[in-house]
C-alpha cells in the first residue's frame, strides 16, 4: 500500500471520481472526513494506526 498520510480523503476522492488511477492507499483522516467519504459512496475502512508503518507494506 502507498502511505498518502493526511491526504487520504483527497486521494480517495480522486480515485473514486476517476481523476487518478486506482491503487491501494492508506493514510489518516479525521472522523468528519471519513464520514463525508462514506456519504459520497466512497468505501473506507477505519483502522487504528499501527506503530512503525511509514513505508510501503510489501
PDB file of N, CA and C in Angstrom:
ATOM      1  N   UNK A   1       0.833  -1.192   0.000  1.00  0.00           N
ATOM      2  CA  UNK A   1       0.000   0.000   0.000  1.00  0.00           C
ATOM      3  C   UNK A   1       0.868   1.241   0.000  1.00  0.00           C
ATOM      4  N   UNK A   2       0.317   2.304  -0.526  1.00  0.00           N
ATOM      5  CA  UNK A   2       1.022   3.588  -0.532  1.00  0.00           C
ATOM      6  C   UNK A   2       0.493   4.436   0.619  1.00  0.00           C
ATOM      7  N   UNK A   3       1.398   4.933   1.439  1.00  0.00           N
ATOM      8  CA  UNK A   3       1.004   5.793   2.548  1.00  0.00           C
ATOM      9  C   UNK A   3       0.862   7.222   2.032  1.00  0.00           C
ATOM     10  N   UNK A   4      -0.374   7.712   1.968  1.00  0.00           N
ATOM     11  CA  UNK A   4      -0.619   9.073   1.499  1.00  0.00           C
ATOM     12  C   UNK A   4      -0.804  10.044   2.660  1.00  0.00           C
ATOM     13  N   UNK A   5      -0.613   9.544   3.874  1.00  0.00           N
ATOM     14  CA  UNK A   5      -0.663  10.399   5.057  1.00  0.00           C
ATOM     15  C   UNK A   5      -1.988  11.122   5.213  1.00  0.00           C
ATOM     16  N   UNK A   6      -1.900  12.409   5.529  1.00  0.00           N
ATOM     17  CA  UNK A   6      -3.121  13.181   5.780  1.00  0.00           C
ATOM     18  C   UNK A   6      -3.836  13.597   4.492  1.00  0.00           C
ATOM     19  N   UNK A   7      -3.330  13.157   3.342  1.00  0.00           N
ATOM     20  CA  UNK A   7      -4.010  13.397   2.064  1.00  0.00           C
ATOM     21  C   UNK A   7      -4.973  12.265   1.715  1.00  0.00           C
ATOM     22  N   UNK A   8      -5.254  11.376   2.674  1.00  0.00           N
ATOM     23  CA  UNK A   8      -6.063  10.192   2.396  1.00  0.00           C
ATOM     24  C   UNK A   8      -7.414  10.529   1.772  1.00  0.00           C
ATOM     25  N   UNK A   9      -8.169  11.427   2.384  1.00  0.00           N
ATOM     26  CA  UNK A   9      -9.506  11.762   1.870  1.00  0.00           C
ATOM     27  C   UNK A   9      -9.415  12.320   0.450  1.00  0.00           C
ATOM     28  N   UNK A  10      -8.462  13.195   0.219  1.00  0.00           N
ATOM     29  CA  UNK A  10      -8.275  13.797  -1.111  1.00  0.00           C
ATOM     30  C   UNK A  10      -7.940  12.735  -2.159  1.00  0.00           C
ATOM     31  N   UNK A  11      -7.014  11.834  -1.834  1.00  0.00           N
ATOM     32  CA  UNK A  11      -6.611  10.794  -2.781  1.00  0.00           C
ATOM     33  C   UNK A  11      -7.740   9.795  -3.026  1.00  0.00           C
ATOM     34  N   UNK A  12      -8.490   9.452  -1.982  1.00  0.00           N
ATOM     35  CA  UNK A  12      -9.618   8.528  -2.143  1.00  0.00           C
ATOM     36  C   UNK A  12     -10.666   9.130  -3.076  1.00  0.00           C
ATOM     37  N   UNK A  13     -10.933  10.417  -2.917  1.00  0.00           N
ATOM     38  CA  UNK A  13     -11.889  11.095  -3.809  1.00  0.00           C
ATOM     39  C   UNK A  13     -11.392  11.105  -5.251  1.00  0.00           C
ATOM     40  N   UNK A  14     -10.130  11.411  -5.457  1.00  0.00           N
ATOM     41  CA  UNK A  14      -9.568  11.444  -6.812  1.00  0.00           C
ATOM     42  C   UNK A  14      -9.733  10.093  -7.498  1.00  0.00           C
ATOM     43  N   UNK A  15      -9.487   9.011  -6.764  1.00  0.00           N
ATOM     44  CA  UNK A  15      -9.651   7.680  -7.347  1.00  0.00           C
ATOM     45  C   UNK A  15     -11.118   7.390  -7.625  1.00  0.00           C
ATOM     46  N   UNK A  16     -11.981   7.727  -6.694  1.00  0.00           N
ATOM     47  CA  UNK A  16     -13.416   7.455  -6.835  1.00  0.00           C
ATOM     48  C   UNK A  16     -14.006   8.166  -8.047  1.00  0.00           C
ATOM     49  N   UNK A  17     -13.586   9.394  -8.278  1.00  0.00           N
ATOM     50  CA  UNK A  17     -14.129  10.188  -9.377  1.00  0.00           C
ATOM     51  C   UNK A  17     -13.315  10.072 -10.666  1.00  0.00           C
ATOM     52  N   UNK A  18     -12.360   9.135 -10.708  1.00  0.00           N
ATOM     53  CA  UNK A  18     -11.607   8.871 -11.931  1.00  0.00           C
ATOM     54  C   UNK A  18     -10.563   9.903 -12.282  1.00  0.00           C
ATOM     55  N   UNK A  19     -10.145  10.712 -11.320  1.00  0.00           N
ATOM     56  CA  UNK A  19      -9.141  11.746 -11.577  1.00  0.00           C
ATOM     57  C   UNK A  19      -7.719  11.208 -11.501  1.00  0.00           C
ATOM     58  N   UNK A  20      -7.556  10.009 -10.947  1.00  0.00           N
ATOM     59  CA  UNK A  20      -6.259   9.354 -10.863  1.00  0.00           C
ATOM     60  C   UNK A  20      -6.491   7.854 -10.896  1.00  0.00           C
ATOM     61  N   UNK A  21      -5.448   7.106 -11.211  1.00  0.00           N
ATOM     62  CA  UNK A  21      -5.567   5.651 -11.259  1.00  0.00           C
ATOM     63  C   UNK A  21      -5.840   5.085  -9.873  1.00  0.00           C
ATOM     64  N   UNK A  22      -6.625   4.014  -9.832  1.00  0.00           N
ATOM     65  CA  UNK A  22      -6.890   3.347  -8.560  1.00  0.00           C
ATOM     66  C   UNK A  22      -5.652   2.598  -8.119  1.00  0.00           C
ATOM     67  N   UNK A  23      -5.410   2.620  -6.819  1.00  0.00           N
ATOM     68  CA  UNK A  23      -4.284   1.916  -6.212  1.00  0.00           C
ATOM     69  C   UNK A  23      -4.603   1.709  -4.739  1.00  0.00           C
ATOM     70  N   UNK A  24      -3.863   0.842  -4.096  1.00  0.00           N
ATOM     71  CA  UNK A  24      -4.062   0.592  -2.668  1.00  0.00           C
ATOM     72  C   UNK A  24      -3.399   1.719  -1.886  1.00  0.00           C
ATOM     73  N   UNK A  25      -4.202   2.437  -1.106  1.00  0.00           N
ATOM     74  CA  UNK A  25      -3.656   3.532  -0.305  1.00  0.00           C
ATOM     75  C   UNK A  25      -4.025   3.343   1.156  1.00  0.00           C
ATOM     76  N   UNK A  26      -3.261   4.008   1.987  1.00  0.00           N
ATOM     77  CA  UNK A  26      -3.572   4.102   3.413  1.00  0.00           C
ATOM     78  C   UNK A  26      -3.119   5.470   3.871  1.00  0.00           C
ATOM     79  N   UNK A  27      -3.681   5.914   4.958  1.00  0.00           N
ATOM     80  CA  UNK A  27      -3.320   7.219   5.483  1.00  0.00           C
ATOM     81  C   UNK A  27      -4.224   7.562   6.641  1.00  0.00           C
ATOM     82  N   UNK A  28      -4.328   8.832   6.920  1.00  0.00           N
ATOM     83  CA  UNK A  28      -5.150   9.254   8.051  1.00  0.00           C
ATOM     84  C   UNK A  28      -6.201  10.248   7.586  1.00  0.00           C
ATOM     85  N   UNK A  29      -7.317  10.207   8.292  1.00  0.00           N
ATOM     86  CA  UNK A  29      -8.422  11.128   8.026  1.00  0.00           C
ATOM     87  C   UNK A  29      -9.124  11.397   9.344  1.00  0.00           C
ATOM     88  N   UNK A  30      -9.706  12.559   9.449  1.00  0.00           N
ATOM     89  CA  UNK A  30     -10.493  12.856  10.641  1.00  0.00           C
ATOM     90  C   UNK A  30     -11.797  12.067  10.573  1.00  0.00           C
ATOM     91  N   UNK A  31     -12.472  11.981  11.676  1.00  0.00           N
ATOM     92  CA  UNK A  31     -13.772  11.307  11.711  1.00  0.00           C
ATOM     93  C   UNK A  31     -14.727  11.964  10.712  1.00  0.00           C
ATOM     94  N   UNK A  32     -14.703  13.294  10.671  1.00  0.00           N
ATOM     95  CA  UNK A  32     -15.576  14.033   9.761  1.00  0.00           C
ATOM     96  C   UNK A  32     -15.248  13.721   8.301  1.00  0.00           C
ATOM     97  N   UNK A  33     -13.956  13.646   7.978  1.00  0.00           N
ATOM     98  CA  UNK A  33     -13.556  13.319   6.609  1.00  0.00           C
ATOM     99  C   UNK A  33     -14.008  11.910   6.233  1.00  0.00           C
ATOM    100  N   UNK A  34     -13.841  10.962   7.142  1.00  0.00           N
ATOM    101  CA  UNK A  34     -14.252   9.582   6.874  1.00  0.00           C
ATOM    102  C   UNK A  34     -15.760   9.497   6.673  1.00  0.00           C
ATOM    103  N   UNK A  35     -16.520  10.210   7.496  1.00  0.00           N
ATOM    104  CA  UNK A  35     -17.977  10.212   7.349  1.00  0.00           C
ATOM    105  C   UNK A  35     -18.394  10.841   6.021  1.00  0.00           C
ATOM    106  N   UNK A  36     -17.703  11.901   5.605  1.00  0.00           N
ATOM    107  CA  UNK A  36     -18.014  12.551   4.328  1.00  0.00           C
ATOM    108  C   UNK A  36     -17.729  11.606   3.162  1.00  0.00           C
ATOM    109  N   UNK A  37     -16.626  10.868   3.240  1.00  0.00           N
ATOM    110  CA  UNK A  37     -16.319   9.898   2.190  1.00  0.00           C
ATOM    111  C   UNK A  37     -17.427   8.854   2.090  1.00  0.00           C
ATOM    112  N   UNK A  38     -17.860   8.343   3.228  1.00  0.00           N
ATOM    113  CA  UNK A  38     -18.938   7.351   3.234  1.00  0.00           C
ATOM    114  C   UNK A  38     -20.223   7.935   2.666  1.00  0.00           C
ATOM    115  N   UNK A  39     -20.531   9.180   3.018  1.00  0.00           N
ATOM    116  CA  UNK A  39     -21.732   9.846   2.491  1.00  0.00           C
ATOM    117  C   UNK A  39     -21.683   9.975   0.968  1.00  0.00           C
ATOM    118  N   UNK A  40     -20.470  10.095   0.413  1.00  0.00           N
ATOM    119  CA  UNK A  40     -20.291  10.220  -1.036  1.00  0.00           C
ATOM    120  C   UNK A  40     -20.271   8.859  -1.734  1.00  0.00           C
ATOM    121  N   UNK A  41     -20.399   7.794  -0.953  1.00  0.00           N
ATOM    122  CA  UNK A  41     -20.384   6.456  -1.537  1.00  0.00           C
ATOM    123  C   UNK A  41     -18.987   5.882  -1.714  1.00  0.00           C
ATOM    124  N   UNK A  42     -18.016   6.485  -1.052  1.00  0.00           N
ATOM    125  CA  UNK A  42     -16.630   6.023  -1.127  1.00  0.00           C
ATOM    126  C   UNK A  42     -16.386   5.111   0.068  1.00  0.00           C
ATOM    127  N   UNK A  43     -16.109   3.847  -0.214  1.00  0.00           N
ATOM    128  CA  UNK A  43     -15.929   2.880   0.861  1.00  0.00           C
ATOM    129  C   UNK A  43     -14.564   3.051   1.511  1.00  0.00           C
ATOM    130  N   UNK A  44     -14.577   3.191   2.823  1.00  0.00           N
ATOM    131  CA  UNK A  44     -13.348   3.272   3.607  1.00  0.00           C
ATOM    132  C   UNK A  44     -13.488   2.337   4.795  1.00  0.00           C
ATOM    133  N   UNK A  45     -12.369   1.910   5.316  1.00  0.00           N
ATOM    134  CA  UNK A  45     -12.354   1.034   6.478  1.00  0.00           C
ATOM    135  C   UNK A  45     -11.431   1.644   7.522  1.00  0.00           C
ATOM    136  N   UNK A  46     -11.996   2.341   8.506  1.00  0.00           N
ATOM    137  CA  UNK A  46     -11.165   2.933   9.549  1.00  0.00           C
ATOM    138  C   UNK A  46     -10.490   1.850  10.394  1.00  0.00           C
ATOM    139  N   UNK A  47      -9.201   2.009  10.589  1.00  0.00           N
ATOM    140  CA  UNK A  47      -8.409   1.110  11.424  1.00  0.00           C
ATOM    141  C   UNK A  47      -7.521   1.947  12.326  1.00  0.00           C
ATOM    142  N   UNK A  48      -7.154   1.416  13.481  1.00  0.00           N
ATOM    143  CA  UNK A  48      -6.228   2.160  14.337  1.00  0.00           C
ATOM    144  C   UNK A  48      -4.848   2.215  13.683  1.00  0.00           C
ATOM    145  N   UNK A  49      -4.125   3.283  13.938  1.00  0.00           N
ATOM    146  CA  UNK A  49      -2.774   3.434  13.396  1.00  0.00           C
ATOM    147  C   UNK A  49      -1.847   2.416  14.048  1.00  0.00           C
ATOM    148  N   UNK A  50      -0.978   1.828  13.247  1.00  0.00           N
ATOM    149  CA  UNK A  50      -0.002   0.877  13.753  1.00  0.00           C
ATOM    150  C   UNK A  50       1.349   1.560  13.868  1.00  0.00           C
ATOM    151  N   UNK A  51       2.090   1.286  14.922  1.00  0.00           N
ATOM    152  CA  UNK A  51       3.409   1.909  15.059  1.00  0.00           C
ATOM    153  C   UNK A  51       4.375   1.382  14.000  1.00  0.00           C
ATOM    154  N   UNK A  52       5.195   2.271  13.470  1.00  0.00           N
ATOM    155  CA  UNK A  52       6.242   1.876  12.540  1.00  0.00           C
ATOM    156  C   UNK A  52       5.765   1.497  11.155  1.00  0.00           C
ATOM    157  N   UNK A  53       4.708   2.135  10.649  1.00  0.00           N
ATOM    158  CA  UNK A  53       4.216   1.798   9.310  1.00  0.00           C
ATOM    159  C   UNK A  53       4.329   3.003   8.375  1.00  0.00           C
ATOM    160  N   UNK A  54       5.498   3.603   8.315  1.00  0.00           N
ATOM    161  CA  UNK A  54       5.675   4.787   7.478  1.00  0.00           C
ATOM    162  C   UNK A  54       5.953   4.442   6.020  1.00  0.00           C
ATOM    163  N   UNK A  55       6.599   3.336   5.737  1.00  0.00           N
ATOM    164  CA  UNK A  55       6.926   2.963   4.362  1.00  0.00           C
ATOM    165  C   UNK A  55       5.821   2.139   3.737  1.00  0.00           C
ATOM    166  N   UNK A  56       6.151   1.486   2.630  1.00  0.00           N
ATOM    167  CA  UNK A  56       5.165   0.626   1.985  1.00  0.00           C
ATOM    168  C   UNK A  56       5.079  -0.692   2.739  1.00  0.00           C
ATOM    169  N   UNK A  57       3.935  -1.331   2.656  1.00  0.00           N
ATOM    170  CA  UNK A  57       3.727  -2.603   3.347  1.00  0.00           C
ATOM    171  C   UNK A  57       3.785  -3.745   2.334  1.00  0.00           C
ATOM    172  N   UNK A  58       4.954  -4.000   1.809  1.00  0.00           N
ATOM    173  CA  UNK A  58       5.102  -5.070   0.820  1.00  0.00           C
ATOM    174  C   UNK A  58       6.164  -6.028   1.253  1.00  0.00           C
TER     175      UNK A  58
END
